[in-house]
Amino acid sequence: MAGDIAGRIAQLASTDKAPSAIVDAILREAVRARASDVHFEPVGSGLDIRFRLDGVLVSVAAVPPELRTILDMGNSILMAQVFA
């Protein structure tokens, strides 16, 4: 699972719809894995993405610093839609 989502993030990072596409891919994977929640934890200048599976937080991807800004933008877009 970790390699799948990390590879998908890297692949989507170069597209013109990168922020929302990356967040969408992460959430789709969380649903597929039946995660109860998703955590984005800052680690150094990157991010660790973790899913809660059966009550346990499991690391599914490490986002390198160069992609963190893109992912932060995607989260901002998602939150704007949730609270609109």
C-alpha atoms as a PDB file:
ATOM      1  CA  MET A   1       0.000   0.000   0.000  1.00  0.00           C
ATOM      2  CA  ALA A   2       2.756   2.498   0.935  1.00  0.00           C
ATOM      3  CA  GLY A   3       4.562   2.108  -2.373  1.00  0.00           C
ATOM      4  CA  ASP A   4       1.320   2.420  -4.310  1.00  0.00           C
ATOM      5  CA  ILE A   5       0.244   5.727  -2.806  1.00  0.00           C
ATOM      6  CA  ALA A   6       3.765   7.201  -2.786  1.00  0.00           C
ATOM      7  CA  GLY A   7       4.181   6.335  -6.462  1.00  0.00           C
ATOM      8  CA  ARG A   8       0.783   7.785  -7.305  1.00  0.00           C
ATOM      9  CA  ILE A   9       1.634  11.037  -5.493  1.00  0.00           C
ATOM     10  CA  ALA A  10       4.881  11.359  -7.440  1.00  0.00           C
ATOM     11  CA  GLN A  11       3.071  10.622 -10.718  1.00  0.00           C
ATOM     12  CA  LEU A  12       0.313  13.170 -10.070  1.00  0.00           C
ATOM     13  CA  ALA A  13       2.716  15.897  -8.895  1.00  0.00           C
ATOM     14  CA  SER A  14       3.598  16.846 -12.463  1.00  0.00           C
ATOM     15  CA  THR A  15       0.001  17.313 -13.645  1.00  0.00           C
ATOM     16  CA  ASP A  16      -1.803  20.646 -13.850  1.00  0.00           C
ATOM     17  CA  LYS A  17      -4.435  19.437 -11.370  1.00  0.00           C
ATOM     18  CA  ALA A  18      -1.837  18.106  -8.921  1.00  0.00           C
ATOM     19  CA  PRO A  19      -3.132  19.458  -5.581  1.00  0.00           C
ATOM     20  CA  SER A  20      -6.706  18.205  -5.829  1.00  0.00           C
ATOM     21  CA  ALA A  21      -5.713  15.037  -7.705  1.00  0.00           C
ATOM     22  CA  ILE A  22      -3.203  14.047  -5.010  1.00  0.00           C
ATOM     23  CA  VAL A  23      -5.676  14.590  -2.171  1.00  0.00           C
ATOM     24  CA  ASP A  24      -8.306  12.675  -4.147  1.00  0.00           C
ATOM     25  CA  ALA A  25      -5.901   9.738  -4.660  1.00  0.00           C
ATOM     26  CA  ILE A  26      -5.027   9.666  -0.949  1.00  0.00           C
ATOM     27  CA  LEU A  27      -8.687   9.722   0.094  1.00  0.00           C
ATOM     28  CA  ARG A  28      -9.627   7.046  -2.439  1.00  0.00           C
ATOM     29  CA  GLU A  29      -6.852   4.821  -1.088  1.00  0.00           C
ATOM     30  CA  ALA A  30      -8.041   5.489   2.468  1.00  0.00           C
ATOM     31  CA  VAL A  31     -11.565   4.414   1.543  1.00  0.00           C
ATOM     32  CA  ARG A  32     -10.249   1.354  -0.293  1.00  0.00           C
ATOM     33  CA  ALA A  33      -8.159   0.396   2.763  1.00  0.00           C
ATOM     34  CA  ARG A  34     -11.200   1.021   5.013  1.00  0.00           C
ATOM     35  CA  ALA A  35      -9.299   3.608   7.066  1.00  0.00           C
ATOM     36  CA  SER A  36     -11.305   5.372   9.757  1.00  0.00           C
ATOM     37  CA  ASP A  37      -9.178   8.515   9.455  1.00  0.00           C
ATOM     38  CA  VAL A  38      -6.211  10.032   7.614  1.00  0.00           C
ATOM     39  CA  HIS A  39      -3.333  11.884   9.277  1.00  0.00           C
ATOM     40  CA  PHE A  40      -0.879  14.275   7.610  1.00  0.00           C
ATOM     41  CA  GLU A  41       2.034  14.571  10.034  1.00  0.00           C
ATOM     42  CA  PRO A  42       4.866  17.048   9.431  1.00  0.00           C
ATOM     43  CA  VAL A  43       8.209  15.253   9.572  1.00  0.00           C
ATOM     44  CA  GLY A  44      11.178  17.534   9.049  1.00  0.00           C
ATOM     45  CA  SER A  45      10.216  19.521   5.976  1.00  0.00           C
ATOM     46  CA  GLY A  46       8.163  16.674   4.470  1.00  0.00           C
ATOM     47  CA  LEU A  47       4.974  14.868   5.505  1.00  0.00           C
ATOM     48  CA  ASP A  48       4.127  11.402   6.722  1.00  0.00           C
ATOM     49  CA  ILE A  49       0.694  10.196   5.593  1.00  0.00           C
ATOM     50  CA  ARG A  50      -0.881   7.700   7.947  1.00  0.00           C
ATOM     51  CA  PHE A  51      -4.174   5.820   7.911  1.00  0.00           C
ATOM     52  CA  ARG A  52      -5.917   4.502  11.005  1.00  0.00           C
ATOM     53  CA  LEU A  53      -6.615   0.844  10.253  1.00  0.00           C
ATOM     54  CA  ASP A  54      -8.334  -1.264  12.908  1.00  0.00           C
ATOM     55  CA  GLY A  55      -7.456   1.338  15.536  1.00  0.00           C
ATOM     56  CA  VAL A  56      -3.752   1.493  14.635  1.00  0.00           C
ATOM     57  CA  LEU A  57      -2.019   4.339  12.768  1.00  0.00           C
ATOM     58  CA  VAL A  58      -0.135   2.891   9.810  1.00  0.00           C
ATOM     59  CA  SER A  59       2.313   4.934   7.747  1.00  0.00           C
ATOM     60  CA  VAL A  60       1.324   4.680   4.077  1.00  0.00           C
ATOM     61  CA  ALA A  61       3.539   7.290   2.405  1.00  0.00           C
ATOM     62  CA  ALA A  62       6.316   9.767   3.041  1.00  0.00           C
ATOM     63  CA  VAL A  63       5.914  13.000   1.086  1.00  0.00           C
ATOM     64  CA  PRO A  64       9.250  14.645   0.274  1.00  0.00           C
ATOM     65  CA  PRO A  65       9.729  18.365   0.932  1.00  0.00           C
ATOM     66  CA  GLU A  66       9.416  19.315  -2.746  1.00  0.00           C
ATOM     67  CA  LEU A  67       5.867  17.873  -2.874  1.00  0.00           C
ATOM     68  CA  ARG A  68       4.691  19.124   0.519  1.00  0.00           C
ATOM     69  CA  THR A  69       3.646  22.542  -0.835  1.00  0.00           C
ATOM     70  CA  ILE A  70       1.534  20.884  -3.526  1.00  0.00           C
ATOM     71  CA  LEU A  71      -0.149  18.662  -0.945  1.00  0.00           C
ATOM     72  CA  ASP A  72      -0.733  21.624   1.401  1.00  0.00           C
ATOM     73  CA  MET A  73      -2.511  23.406  -1.471  1.00  0.00           C
ATOM     74  CA  GLY A  74      -4.662  20.318  -2.066  1.00  0.00           C
ATOM     75  CA  ASN A  75      -5.669  20.182   1.592  1.00  0.00           C
ATOM     76  CA  SER A  76      -6.583  23.874   1.467  1.00  0.00           C
ATOM     77  CA  ILE A  77      -8.780  23.246  -1.581  1.00  0.00           C
ATOM     78  CA  LEU A  78     -10.461  20.304   0.176  1.00  0.00           C
ATOM     79  CA  MET A  79     -11.141  22.305   3.351  1.00  0.00           C
ATOM     80  CA  ALA A  80     -12.578  25.202   1.329  1.00  0.00           C
ATOM     81  CA  GLN A  81     -15.009  22.760  -0.293  1.00  0.00           C
ATOM     82  CA  VAL A  82     -15.958  21.125   3.018  1.00  0.00           C
ATOM     83  CA  PHE A  83     -16.750  24.416   4.705  1.00  0.00           C
ATOM     84  CA  ALA A  84     -18.317  26.183   1.707  1.00  0.00           C
END
